[in-house]
Amino acid sequence: MDIVFIKQLQVDTVIGVYDWEKTIQQRLLLDLELVTDISNAAKQDDIRQTLDYAVIAQRVIALITAQPLELIETVAERVAQLLLNEFATTQVKVSVQKPGALEQAETVGVTIVRSRS
């Protein structure tokens, strides 16, 4: 199978467990990998035969910014379920980073892999 990916998708949203975090927007960075078959799209040079990463990015941003969340784990899980439910993919890998969450580190994050049941 093939992989359609988006790297370092930037999403500004309200995220965090501390009271001060619930009053500001913070940037999340997402890496998305969607397993699919792109051979027909490549043969026909037709975007309708593949996953449109612009549409994927719009849906993911809308989901994440729809309501404040506390955990990046929740963000990763909800994004994975959205991708599996709305797009022609059998497996996804979602990484969510929260730069600046720790003064001592460039970034922190989680990575999950989920498959269609």
PDB file of N, CA and C in Angstrom:
ATOM      1  N   MET A   1       0.835  -1.192   0.000  1.00  0.00           N
ATOM      2  CA  MET A   1       0.000   0.000   0.000  1.00  0.00           C
ATOM      3  C   MET A   1       0.876   1.251   0.000  1.00  0.00           C
ATOM      4  N   ASP A   2       0.237   2.350  -0.275  1.00  0.00           N
ATOM      5  CA  ASP A   2       0.922   3.625  -0.383  1.00  0.00           C
ATOM      6  C   ASP A   2       0.549   4.495   0.817  1.00  0.00           C
ATOM      7  N   ILE A   3       1.270   5.577   0.977  1.00  0.00           N
ATOM      8  CA  ILE A   3       1.013   6.487   2.096  1.00  0.00           C
ATOM      9  C   ILE A   3       0.897   7.911   1.575  1.00  0.00           C
ATOM     10  N   VAL A   4      -0.191   8.560   1.939  1.00  0.00           N
ATOM     11  CA  VAL A   4      -0.354   9.991   1.737  1.00  0.00           C
ATOM     12  C   VAL A   4      -0.045  10.626   3.088  1.00  0.00           C
ATOM     13  N   PHE A   5       0.822  11.646   3.098  1.00  0.00           N
ATOM     14  CA  PHE A   5       1.201  12.225   4.387  1.00  0.00           C
ATOM     15  C   PHE A   5       1.164  13.737   4.378  1.00  0.00           C
ATOM     16  N   ILE A   6       1.005  14.269   5.578  1.00  0.00           N
ATOM     17  CA  ILE A   6       1.108  15.704   5.847  1.00  0.00           C
ATOM     18  C   ILE A   6       2.061  15.829   7.032  1.00  0.00           C
ATOM     19  N   LYS A   7       3.077  16.648   6.887  1.00  0.00           N
ATOM     20  CA  LYS A   7       4.054  16.842   7.964  1.00  0.00           C
ATOM     21  C   LYS A   7       3.967  18.258   8.512  1.00  0.00           C
ATOM     22  N   GLN A   8       4.004  18.331   9.839  1.00  0.00           N
ATOM     23  CA  GLN A   8       4.067  19.609  10.558  1.00  0.00           C
ATOM     24  C   GLN A   8       2.868  20.523  10.259  1.00  0.00           C
ATOM     25  N   LEU A   9       1.675  19.932  10.213  1.00  0.00           N
ATOM     26  CA  LEU A   9       0.458  20.733  10.090  1.00  0.00           C
ATOM     27  C   LEU A   9       0.317  21.573  11.355  1.00  0.00           C
ATOM     28  N   GLN A  10       0.247  22.890  11.198  1.00  0.00           N
ATOM     29  CA  GLN A  10       0.191  23.799  12.339  1.00  0.00           C
ATOM     30  C   GLN A  10      -1.255  24.124  12.675  1.00  0.00           C
ATOM     31  N   VAL A  11      -1.595  23.916  13.952  1.00  0.00           N
ATOM     32  CA  VAL A  11      -2.947  24.200  14.419  1.00  0.00           C
ATOM     33  C   VAL A  11      -2.840  24.982  15.722  1.00  0.00           C
ATOM     34  N   ASP A  12      -3.391  26.184  15.739  1.00  0.00           N
ATOM     35  CA  ASP A  12      -3.440  26.990  16.958  1.00  0.00           C
ATOM     36  C   ASP A  12      -4.788  26.770  17.619  1.00  0.00           C
ATOM     37  N   THR A  13      -4.753  26.343  18.890  1.00  0.00           N
ATOM     38  CA  THR A  13      -5.985  25.980  19.583  1.00  0.00           C
ATOM     39  C   THR A  13      -5.789  26.109  21.092  1.00  0.00           C
ATOM     40  N   VAL A  14      -6.887  26.002  21.826  1.00  0.00           N
ATOM     41  CA  VAL A  14      -6.820  25.987  23.281  1.00  0.00           C
ATOM     42  C   VAL A  14      -6.610  24.532  23.706  1.00  0.00           C
ATOM     43  N   ILE A  15      -5.464  24.291  24.350  1.00  0.00           N
ATOM     44  CA  ILE A  15      -5.086  22.932  24.738  1.00  0.00           C
ATOM     45  C   ILE A  15      -4.291  22.996  26.037  1.00  0.00           C
ATOM     46  N   GLY A  16      -4.632  22.153  26.987  1.00  0.00           N
ATOM     47  CA  GLY A  16      -3.834  22.092  28.208  1.00  0.00           C
ATOM     48  C   GLY A  16      -4.661  21.781  29.432  1.00  0.00           C
ATOM     49  N   VAL A  17      -3.968  21.319  30.475  1.00  0.00           N
ATOM     50  CA  VAL A  17      -4.630  20.929  31.717  1.00  0.00           C
ATOM     51  C   VAL A  17      -4.597  22.028  32.779  1.00  0.00           C
ATOM     52  N   TYR A  18      -3.682  22.971  32.632  1.00  0.00           N
ATOM     53  CA  TYR A  18      -3.553  24.026  33.639  1.00  0.00           C
ATOM     54  C   TYR A  18      -4.499  25.187  33.332  1.00  0.00           C
ATOM     55  N   ASP A  19      -4.949  25.854  34.386  1.00  0.00           N
ATOM     56  CA  ASP A  19      -5.902  26.958  34.218  1.00  0.00           C
ATOM     57  C   ASP A  19      -5.386  28.028  33.253  1.00  0.00           C
ATOM     58  N   TRP A  20      -4.109  28.374  33.358  1.00  0.00           N
ATOM     59  CA  TRP A  20      -3.566  29.425  32.492  1.00  0.00           C
ATOM     60  C   TRP A  20      -3.577  28.988  31.031  1.00  0.00           C
ATOM     61  N   GLU A  21      -3.463  27.683  30.775  1.00  0.00           N
ATOM     62  CA  GLU A  21      -3.475  27.189  29.397  1.00  0.00           C
ATOM     63  C   GLU A  21      -4.867  27.296  28.771  1.00  0.00           C
ATOM     64  N   LYS A  22      -5.867  27.291  29.609  1.00  0.00           N
ATOM     65  CA  LYS A  22      -7.245  27.320  29.114  1.00  0.00           C
ATOM     66  C   LYS A  22      -7.688  28.717  28.694  1.00  0.00           C
ATOM     67  N   THR A  23      -6.782  29.685  28.838  1.00  0.00           N
ATOM     68  CA  THR A  23      -7.115  31.064  28.468  1.00  0.00           C
ATOM     69  C   THR A  23      -6.319  31.554  27.259  1.00  0.00           C
ATOM     70  N   ILE A  24      -5.478  30.682  26.696  1.00  0.00           N
ATOM     71  CA  ILE A  24      -4.640  31.088  25.560  1.00  0.00           C
ATOM     72  C   ILE A  24      -4.690  30.024  24.465  1.00  0.00           C
ATOM     73  N   GLN A  25      -4.275  30.420  23.288  1.00  0.00           N
ATOM     74  CA  GLN A  25      -4.089  29.453  22.210  1.00  0.00           C
ATOM     75  C   GLN A  25      -2.630  29.029  22.172  1.00  0.00           C
ATOM     76  N   GLN A  26      -2.422  27.751  21.906  1.00  0.00           N
ATOM     77  CA  GLN A  26      -1.077  27.221  21.758  1.00  0.00           C
ATOM     78  C   GLN A  26      -1.004  26.471  20.432  1.00  0.00           C
ATOM     79  N   ARG A  27       0.182  26.392  19.891  1.00  0.00           N
ATOM     80  CA  ARG A  27       0.380  25.724  18.609  1.00  0.00           C
ATOM     81  C   ARG A  27       0.640  24.241  18.815  1.00  0.00           C
ATOM     82  N   LEU A  28      -0.061  23.445  18.029  1.00  0.00           N
ATOM     83  CA  LEU A  28       0.215  22.018  17.917  1.00  0.00           C
ATOM     84  C   LEU A  28       0.764  21.761  16.521  1.00  0.00           C
ATOM     85  N   LEU A  29       1.645  20.786  16.410  1.00  0.00           N
ATOM     86  CA  LEU A  29       2.171  20.350  15.121  1.00  0.00           C
ATOM     87  C   LEU A  29       1.784  18.891  14.929  1.00  0.00           C
ATOM     88  N   LEU A  30       1.176  18.593  13.783  1.00  0.00           N
ATOM     89  CA  LEU A  30       0.716  17.236  13.522  1.00  0.00           C
ATOM     90  C   LEU A  30       1.402  16.659  12.294  1.00  0.00           C
ATOM     91  N   ASP A  31       1.780  15.403  12.418  1.00  0.00           N
ATOM     92  CA  ASP A  31       2.226  14.605  11.283  1.00  0.00           C
ATOM     93  C   ASP A  31       1.181  13.526  11.073  1.00  0.00           C
ATOM     94  N   LEU A  32       0.680  13.429   9.849  1.00  0.00           N
ATOM     95  CA  LEU A  32      -0.371  12.466   9.516  1.00  0.00           C
ATOM     96  C   LEU A  32       0.112  11.553   8.404  1.00  0.00           C
ATOM     97  N   GLU A  33      -0.138  10.263   8.554  1.00  0.00           N
ATOM     98  CA  GLU A  33       0.138   9.290   7.500  1.00  0.00           C
ATOM     99  C   GLU A  33      -1.115   8.455   7.305  1.00  0.00           C
ATOM    100  N   LEU A  34      -1.588   8.386   6.070  1.00  0.00           N
ATOM    101  CA  LEU A  34      -2.790   7.624   5.736  1.00  0.00           C
ATOM    102  C   LEU A  34      -2.433   6.561   4.709  1.00  0.00           C
ATOM    103  N   VAL A  35      -2.673   5.310   5.042  1.00  0.00           N
ATOM    104  CA  VAL A  35      -2.394   4.209   4.129  1.00  0.00           C
ATOM    105  C   VAL A  35      -3.541   4.096   3.142  1.00  0.00           C
ATOM    106  N   THR A  36      -3.203   4.062   1.856  1.00  0.00           N
ATOM    107  CA  THR A  36      -4.205   3.994   0.796  1.00  0.00           C
ATOM    108  C   THR A  36      -3.539   3.474  -0.473  1.00  0.00           C
ATOM    109  N   ASP A  37      -4.305   3.318  -1.513  1.00  0.00           N
ATOM    110  CA  ASP A  37      -3.769   2.899  -2.808  1.00  0.00           C
ATOM    111  C   ASP A  37      -3.870   4.088  -3.758  1.00  0.00           C
ATOM    112  N   ILE A  38      -2.731   4.606  -4.184  1.00  0.00           N
ATOM    113  CA  ILE A  38      -2.743   5.780  -5.068  1.00  0.00           C
ATOM    114  C   ILE A  38      -2.496   5.421  -6.534  1.00  0.00           C
ATOM    115  N   SER A  39      -2.453   4.145  -6.859  1.00  0.00           N
ATOM    116  CA  SER A  39      -2.090   3.735  -8.221  1.00  0.00           C
ATOM    117  C   SER A  39      -3.075   4.253  -9.274  1.00  0.00           C
ATOM    118  N   ASN A  40      -4.381   4.202  -9.012  1.00  0.00           N
ATOM    119  CA  ASN A  40      -5.351   4.707  -9.991  1.00  0.00           C
ATOM    120  C   ASN A  40      -5.214   6.215 -10.188  1.00  0.00           C
ATOM    121  N   ALA A  41      -4.978   6.939  -9.102  1.00  0.00           N
ATOM    122  CA  ALA A  41      -4.790   8.388  -9.212  1.00  0.00           C
ATOM    123  C   ALA A  41      -3.562   8.699 -10.057  1.00  0.00           C
ATOM    124  N   ALA A  42      -2.497   7.941  -9.845  1.00  0.00           N
ATOM    125  CA  ALA A  42      -1.264   8.169 -10.601  1.00  0.00           C
ATOM    126  C   ALA A  42      -1.462   7.843 -12.080  1.00  0.00           C
ATOM    127  N   LYS A  43      -2.144   6.744 -12.381  1.00  0.00           N
ATOM    128  CA  LYS A  43      -2.386   6.351 -13.776  1.00  0.00           C
ATOM    129  C   LYS A  43      -3.236   7.376 -14.508  1.00  0.00           C
ATOM    130  N   GLN A  44      -4.265   7.881 -13.818  1.00  0.00           N
ATOM    131  CA  GLN A  44      -5.219   8.777 -14.455  1.00  0.00           C
ATOM    132  C   GLN A  44      -4.915  10.257 -14.209  1.00  0.00           C
ATOM    133  N   ASP A  45      -3.913  10.529 -13.372  1.00  0.00           N
ATOM    134  CA  ASP A  45      -3.568  11.903 -13.014  1.00  0.00           C
ATOM    135  C   ASP A  45      -4.817  12.655 -12.537  1.00  0.00           C
ATOM    136  N   ASP A  46      -5.544  12.026 -11.589  1.00  0.00           N
ATOM    137  CA  ASP A  46      -6.869  12.500 -11.179  1.00  0.00           C
ATOM    138  C   ASP A  46      -6.939  12.576  -9.652  1.00  0.00           C
ATOM    139  N   ILE A  47      -7.075  13.781  -9.141  1.00  0.00           N
ATOM    140  CA  ILE A  47      -7.127  13.979  -7.695  1.00  0.00           C
ATOM    141  C   ILE A  47      -8.328  13.298  -7.054  1.00  0.00           C
ATOM    142  N   ARG A  48      -9.378  13.073  -7.831  1.00  0.00           N
ATOM    143  CA  ARG A  48     -10.571  12.416  -7.280  1.00  0.00           C
ATOM    144  C   ARG A  48     -10.310  10.946  -6.951  1.00  0.00           C
ATOM    145  N   GLN A  49      -9.193  10.410  -7.421  1.00  0.00           N
ATOM    146  CA  GLN A  49      -8.851   9.006  -7.183  1.00  0.00           C
ATOM    147  C   GLN A  49      -7.882   8.829  -6.005  1.00  0.00           C
ATOM    148  N   THR A  50      -7.610   9.907  -5.297  1.00  0.00           N
ATOM    149  CA  THR A  50      -6.653   9.839  -4.191  1.00  0.00           C
ATOM    150  C   THR A  50      -7.200  10.605  -2.993  1.00  0.00           C
ATOM    151  N   LEU A  51      -6.402  10.701  -1.953  1.00  0.00           N
ATOM    152  CA  LEU A  51      -6.763  11.491  -0.783  1.00  0.00           C
ATOM    153  C   LEU A  51      -6.278  12.919  -0.990  1.00  0.00           C
ATOM    154  N   ASP A  52      -7.185  13.851  -0.892  1.00  0.00           N
ATOM    155  CA  ASP A  52      -6.873  15.268  -1.095  1.00  0.00           C
ATOM    156  C   ASP A  52      -6.352  15.845   0.223  1.00  0.00           C
ATOM    157  N   TYR A  53      -5.048  16.097   0.291  1.00  0.00           N
ATOM    158  CA  TYR A  53      -4.476  16.541   1.561  1.00  0.00           C
ATOM    159  C   TYR A  53      -4.977  17.912   1.986  1.00  0.00           C
ATOM    160  N   ALA A  54      -5.429  18.742   1.057  1.00  0.00           N
ATOM    161  CA  ALA A  54      -6.012  20.035   1.436  1.00  0.00           C
ATOM    162  C   ALA A  54      -7.316  19.825   2.205  1.00  0.00           C
ATOM    163  N   VAL A  55      -8.131  18.898   1.741  1.00  0.00           N
ATOM    164  CA  VAL A  55      -9.392  18.580   2.429  1.00  0.00           C
ATOM    165  C   VAL A  55      -9.103  17.948   3.788  1.00  0.00           C
ATOM    166  N   ILE A  56      -8.140  17.047   3.824  1.00  0.00           N
ATOM    167  CA  ILE A  56      -7.762  16.401   5.086  1.00  0.00           C
ATOM    168  C   ILE A  56      -7.321  17.458   6.097  1.00  0.00           C
ATOM    169  N   ALA A  57      -6.458  18.365   5.677  1.00  0.00           N
ATOM    170  CA  ALA A  57      -5.964  19.410   6.583  1.00  0.00           C
ATOM    171  C   ALA A  57      -7.106  20.270   7.109  1.00  0.00           C
ATOM    172  N   GLN A  58      -8.027  20.661   6.242  1.00  0.00           N
ATOM    173  CA  GLN A  58      -9.165  21.485   6.667  1.00  0.00           C
ATOM    174  C   GLN A  58     -10.011  20.771   7.712  1.00  0.00           C
ATOM    175  N   ARG A  59     -10.287  19.479   7.490  1.00  0.00           N
ATOM    176  CA  ARG A  59     -11.114  18.707   8.434  1.00  0.00           C
ATOM    177  C   ARG A  59     -10.420  18.544   9.780  1.00  0.00           C
ATOM    178  N   VAL A  60      -9.126  18.277   9.745  1.00  0.00           N
ATOM    179  CA  VAL A  60      -8.372  18.091  10.988  1.00  0.00           C
ATOM    180  C   VAL A  60      -8.317  19.397  11.777  1.00  0.00           C
ATOM    181  N   ILE A  61      -8.045  20.499  11.113  1.00  0.00           N
ATOM    182  CA  ILE A  61      -8.007  21.798  11.795  1.00  0.00           C
ATOM    183  C   ILE A  61      -9.370  22.125  12.400  1.00  0.00           C
ATOM    184  N   ALA A  62     -10.434  21.906  11.652  1.00  0.00           N
ATOM    185  CA  ALA A  62     -11.788  22.177  12.156  1.00  0.00           C
ATOM    186  C   ALA A  62     -12.087  21.331  13.394  1.00  0.00           C
ATOM    187  N   LEU A  63     -11.695  20.072  13.373  1.00  0.00           N
ATOM    188  CA  LEU A  63     -11.932  19.181  14.518  1.00  0.00           C
ATOM    189  C   LEU A  63     -11.189  19.674  15.757  1.00  0.00           C
ATOM    190  N   ILE A  64      -9.915  19.979  15.597  1.00  0.00           N
ATOM    191  CA  ILE A  64      -9.093  20.350  16.744  1.00  0.00           C
ATOM    192  C   ILE A  64      -9.501  21.693  17.342  1.00  0.00           C
ATOM    193  N   THR A  65      -9.943  22.611  16.511  1.00  0.00           N
ATOM    194  CA  THR A  65     -10.299  23.950  17.005  1.00  0.00           C
ATOM    195  C   THR A  65     -11.761  24.076  17.416  1.00  0.00           C
ATOM    196  N   ALA A  66     -12.538  23.028  17.266  1.00  0.00           N
ATOM    197  CA  ALA A  66     -13.967  23.088  17.575  1.00  0.00           C
ATOM    198  C   ALA A  66     -14.243  23.290  19.056  1.00  0.00           C
ATOM    199  N   GLN A  67     -13.388  22.742  19.906  1.00  0.00           N
ATOM    200  CA  GLN A  67     -13.590  22.883  21.352  1.00  0.00           C
ATOM    201  C   GLN A  67     -12.260  22.718  22.067  1.00  0.00           C
ATOM    202  N   PRO A  68     -12.108  23.362  23.221  1.00  0.00           N
ATOM    203  CA  PRO A  68     -10.871  23.205  23.988  1.00  0.00           C
ATOM    204  C   PRO A  68     -10.724  21.755  24.478  1.00  0.00           C
ATOM    205  N   LEU A  69      -9.490  21.281  24.479  1.00  0.00           N
ATOM    206  CA  LEU A  69      -9.182  19.953  25.006  1.00  0.00           C
ATOM    207  C   LEU A  69      -8.029  20.077  25.978  1.00  0.00           C
ATOM    208  N   GLU A  70      -7.868  19.083  26.826  1.00  0.00           N
ATOM    209  CA  GLU A  70      -6.779  19.111  27.796  1.00  0.00           C
ATOM    210  C   GLU A  70      -5.558  18.336  27.319  1.00  0.00           C
ATOM    211  N   LEU A  71      -5.752  17.200  26.666  1.00  0.00           N
ATOM    212  CA  LEU A  71      -4.640  16.300  26.371  1.00  0.00           C
ATOM    213  C   LEU A  71      -4.357  16.173  24.881  1.00  0.00           C
ATOM    214  N   ILE A  72      -3.074  16.142  24.534  1.00  0.00           N
ATOM    215  CA  ILE A  72      -2.718  15.880  23.143  1.00  0.00           C
ATOM    216  C   ILE A  72      -3.032  14.428  22.785  1.00  0.00           C
ATOM    217  N   GLU A  73      -3.116  13.553  23.778  1.00  0.00           N
ATOM    218  CA  GLU A  73      -3.536  12.176  23.529  1.00  0.00           C
ATOM    219  C   GLU A  73      -4.959  12.144  22.972  1.00  0.00           C
ATOM    220  N   THR A  74      -5.821  12.994  23.514  1.00  0.00           N
ATOM    221  CA  THR A  74      -7.198  13.092  23.031  1.00  0.00           C
ATOM    222  C   THR A  74      -7.229  13.623  21.603  1.00  0.00           C
ATOM    223  N   VAL A  75      -6.404  14.617  21.327  1.00  0.00           N
ATOM    224  CA  VAL A  75      -6.308  15.165  19.973  1.00  0.00           C
ATOM    225  C   VAL A  75      -5.913  14.059  19.000  1.00  0.00           C
ATOM    226  N   ALA A  76      -4.873  13.310  19.328  1.00  0.00           N
ATOM    227  CA  ALA A  76      -4.396  12.240  18.445  1.00  0.00           C
ATOM    228  C   ALA A  76      -5.481  11.210  18.185  1.00  0.00           C
ATOM    229  N   GLU A  77      -6.166  10.783  19.223  1.00  0.00           N
ATOM    230  CA  GLU A  77      -7.205   9.764  19.079  1.00  0.00           C
ATOM    231  C   GLU A  77      -8.365  10.263  18.223  1.00  0.00           C
ATOM    232  N   ARG A  78      -8.810  11.479  18.462  1.00  0.00           N
ATOM    233  CA  ARG A  78      -9.934  12.031  17.689  1.00  0.00           C
ATOM    234  C   ARG A  78      -9.557  12.241  16.221  1.00  0.00           C
ATOM    235  N   VAL A  79      -8.341  12.683  15.982  1.00  0.00           N
ATOM    236  CA  VAL A  79      -7.890  12.859  14.597  1.00  0.00           C
ATOM    237  C   VAL A  79      -7.820  11.509  13.900  1.00  0.00           C
ATOM    238  N   ALA A  80      -7.284  10.504  14.560  1.00  0.00           N
ATOM    239  CA  ALA A  80      -7.199   9.169  13.956  1.00  0.00           C
ATOM    240  C   ALA A  80      -8.584   8.646  13.598  1.00  0.00           C
ATOM    241  N   GLN A  81      -9.531   8.793  14.494  1.00  0.00           N
ATOM    242  CA  GLN A  81     -10.885   8.309  14.223  1.00  0.00           C
ATOM    243  C   GLN A  81     -11.536   9.075  13.077  1.00  0.00           C
ATOM    244  N   LEU A  82     -11.335  10.382  13.026  1.00  0.00           N
ATOM    245  CA  LEU A  82     -11.846  11.191  11.915  1.00  0.00           C
ATOM    246  C   LEU A  82     -11.295  10.691  10.586  1.00  0.00           C
ATOM    247  N   LEU A  83      -9.996  10.487  10.515  1.00  0.00           N
ATOM    248  CA  LEU A  83      -9.367  10.048   9.272  1.00  0.00           C
ATOM    249  C   LEU A  83      -9.886   8.683   8.839  1.00  0.00           C
ATOM    250  N   LEU A  84     -10.013   7.774   9.778  1.00  0.00           N
ATOM    251  CA  LEU A  84     -10.502   6.429   9.446  1.00  0.00           C
ATOM    252  C   LEU A  84     -11.966   6.444   9.023  1.00  0.00           C
ATOM    253  N   ASN A  85     -12.753   7.313   9.632  1.00  0.00           N
ATOM    254  CA  ASN A  85     -14.191   7.347   9.348  1.00  0.00           C
ATOM    255  C   ASN A  85     -14.543   8.117   8.076  1.00  0.00           C
ATOM    256  N   GLU A  86     -13.755   9.134   7.729  1.00  0.00           N
ATOM    257  CA  GLU A  86     -14.147  10.017   6.637  1.00  0.00           C
ATOM    258  C   GLU A  86     -13.333   9.864   5.360  1.00  0.00           C
ATOM    259  N   PHE A  87     -12.226   9.152   5.413  1.00  0.00           N
ATOM    260  CA  PHE A  87     -11.355   9.070   4.245  1.00  0.00           C
ATOM    261  C   PHE A  87     -11.038   7.621   3.900  1.00  0.00           C
ATOM    262  N   ALA A  88     -10.672   7.388   2.649  1.00  0.00           N
ATOM    263  CA  ALA A  88     -10.415   6.034   2.141  1.00  0.00           C
ATOM    264  C   ALA A  88      -9.033   5.560   2.578  1.00  0.00           C
ATOM    265  N   THR A  89      -8.936   5.261   3.840  1.00  0.00           N
ATOM    266  CA  THR A  89      -7.693   4.766   4.411  1.00  0.00           C
ATOM    267  C   THR A  89      -7.990   3.587   5.329  1.00  0.00           C
ATOM    268  N   THR A  90      -7.062   2.664   5.399  1.00  0.00           N
ATOM    269  CA  THR A  90      -7.242   1.491   6.255  1.00  0.00           C
ATOM    270  C   THR A  90      -6.429   1.591   7.536  1.00  0.00           C
ATOM    271  N   GLN A  91      -5.417   2.454   7.519  1.00  0.00           N
ATOM    272  CA  GLN A  91      -4.571   2.632   8.694  1.00  0.00           C
ATOM    273  C   GLN A  91      -4.026   4.050   8.702  1.00  0.00           C
ATOM    274  N   VAL A  92      -3.908   4.623   9.902  1.00  0.00           N
ATOM    275  CA  VAL A  92      -3.361   5.962  10.042  1.00  0.00           C
ATOM    276  C   VAL A  92      -2.311   5.988  11.147  1.00  0.00           C
ATOM    277  N   LYS A  93      -1.381   6.889  10.969  1.00  0.00           N
ATOM    278  CA  LYS A  93      -0.397   7.195  12.004  1.00  0.00           C
ATOM    279  C   LYS A  93      -0.510   8.686  12.270  1.00  0.00           C
ATOM    280  N   VAL A  94      -0.743   9.038  13.516  1.00  0.00           N
ATOM    281  CA  VAL A  94      -0.943  10.435  13.895  1.00  0.00           C
ATOM    282  C   VAL A  94       0.062  10.785  14.989  1.00  0.00           C
ATOM    283  N   SER A  95       0.863  11.813  14.725  1.00  0.00           N
ATOM    284  CA  SER A  95       1.780  12.342  15.734  1.00  0.00           C
ATOM    285  C   SER A  95       1.353  13.763  16.056  1.00  0.00           C
ATOM    286  N   VAL A  96       1.271  14.070  17.341  1.00  0.00           N
ATOM    287  CA  VAL A  96       0.911  15.404  17.802  1.00  0.00           C
ATOM    288  C   VAL A  96       2.038  15.911  18.694  1.00  0.00           C
ATOM    289  N   GLN A  97       2.568  17.070  18.342  1.00  0.00           N
ATOM    290  CA  GLN A  97       3.610  17.698  19.141  1.00  0.00           C
ATOM    291  C   GLN A  97       3.085  19.000  19.737  1.00  0.00           C
ATOM    292  N   LYS A  98       3.587  19.294  20.926  1.00  0.00           N
ATOM    293  CA  LYS A  98       3.242  20.551  21.596  1.00  0.00           C
ATOM    294  C   LYS A  98       4.551  21.267  21.939  1.00  0.00           C
ATOM    295  N   PRO A  99       5.055  22.062  20.996  1.00  0.00           N
ATOM    296  CA  PRO A  99       6.314  22.767  21.226  1.00  0.00           C
ATOM    297  C   PRO A  99       6.201  23.736  22.412  1.00  0.00           C
ATOM    298  N   GLY A 100       7.256  23.805  23.175  1.00  0.00           N
ATOM    299  CA  GLY A 100       7.270  24.754  24.282  1.00  0.00           C
ATOM    300  C   GLY A 100       6.554  24.276  25.531  1.00  0.00           C
ATOM    301  N   ALA A 101       6.050  23.068  25.534  1.00  0.00           N
ATOM    302  CA  ALA A 101       5.336  22.565  26.710  1.00  0.00           C
ATOM    303  C   ALA A 101       6.282  22.379  27.899  1.00  0.00           C
ATOM    304  N   LEU A 102       7.521  22.049  27.609  1.00  0.00           N
ATOM    305  CA  LEU A 102       8.557  21.933  28.636  1.00  0.00           C
ATOM    306  C   LEU A 102       9.679  22.891  28.300  1.00  0.00           C
ATOM    307  N   GLU A 103      10.061  23.668  29.278  1.00  0.00           N
ATOM    308  CA  GLU A 103      11.153  24.618  29.066  1.00  0.00           C
ATOM    309  C   GLU A 103      12.448  23.907  28.673  1.00  0.00           C
ATOM    310  N   GLN A 104      12.631  22.696  29.174  1.00  0.00           N
ATOM    311  CA  GLN A 104      13.868  21.962  28.957  1.00  0.00           C
ATOM    312  C   GLN A 104      13.898  21.181  27.638  1.00  0.00           C
ATOM    313  N   ALA A 105      12.814  21.205  26.884  1.00  0.00           N
ATOM    314  CA  ALA A 105      12.736  20.416  25.653  1.00  0.00           C
ATOM    315  C   ALA A 105      12.185  21.259  24.511  1.00  0.00           C
ATOM    316  N   GLU A 106      12.625  20.943  23.319  1.00  0.00           N
ATOM    317  CA  GLU A 106      12.108  21.639  22.143  1.00  0.00           C
ATOM    318  C   GLU A 106      10.627  21.356  21.948  1.00  0.00           C
ATOM    319  N   THR A 107      10.241  20.108  22.163  1.00  0.00           N
ATOM    320  CA  THR A 107       8.848  19.718  21.983  1.00  0.00           C
ATOM    321  C   THR A 107       8.560  18.443  22.756  1.00  0.00           C
ATOM    322  N   VAL A 108       7.281  18.181  22.970  1.00  0.00           N
ATOM    323  CA  VAL A 108       6.811  16.914  23.535  1.00  0.00           C
ATOM    324  C   VAL A 108       5.696  16.420  22.624  1.00  0.00           C
ATOM    325  N   GLY A 109       5.354  15.140  22.723  1.00  0.00           N
ATOM    326  CA  GLY A 109       4.285  14.668  21.857  1.00  0.00           C
ATOM    327  C   GLY A 109       3.934  13.218  22.045  1.00  0.00           C
ATOM    328  N   VAL A 110       2.996  12.791  21.228  1.00  0.00           N
ATOM    329  CA  VAL A 110       2.550  11.403  21.195  1.00  0.00           C
ATOM    330  C   VAL A 110       2.407  10.975  19.736  1.00  0.00           C
ATOM    331  N   THR A 111       2.559   9.688  19.517  1.00  0.00           N
ATOM    332  CA  THR A 111       2.320   9.086  18.210  1.00  0.00           C
ATOM    333  C   THR A 111       1.450   7.865  18.411  1.00  0.00           C
ATOM    334  N   ILE A 112       0.385   7.759  17.616  1.00  0.00           N
ATOM    335  CA  ILE A 112      -0.471   6.578  17.670  1.00  0.00           C
ATOM    336  C   ILE A 112      -0.663   6.020  16.272  1.00  0.00           C
ATOM    337  N   VAL A 113      -0.937   4.740  16.205  1.00  0.00           N
ATOM    338  CA  VAL A 113      -1.273   4.068  14.951  1.00  0.00           C
ATOM    339  C   VAL A 113      -2.614   3.389  15.180  1.00  0.00           C
ATOM    340  N   ARG A 114      -3.556   3.638  14.282  1.00  0.00           N
ATOM    341  CA  ARG A 114      -4.883   3.022  14.384  1.00  0.00           C
ATOM    342  C   ARG A 114      -5.271   2.456  13.031  1.00  0.00           C
ATOM    343  N   SER A 115      -6.027   1.349  13.058  1.00  0.00           N
ATOM    344  CA  SER A 115      -6.507   0.693  11.839  1.00  0.00           C
ATOM    345  C   SER A 115      -8.008   0.607  11.860  1.00  0.00           C
ATOM    346  N   ARG A 116      -8.561   0.529  10.676  1.00  0.00           N
ATOM    347  CA  ARG A 116     -10.001   0.338  10.535  1.00  0.00           C
ATOM    348  C   ARG A 116     -10.349  -1.040  11.081  1.00  0.00           C
ATOM    349  N   SER A 117     -11.391  -1.109  11.867  1.00  0.00           N
ATOM    350  CA  SER A 117     -11.805  -2.396  12.465  1.00  0.00           C
ATOM    351  C   SER A 117     -12.456  -3.299  11.457  1.00  0.00           C
TER     352      SER A 117
END
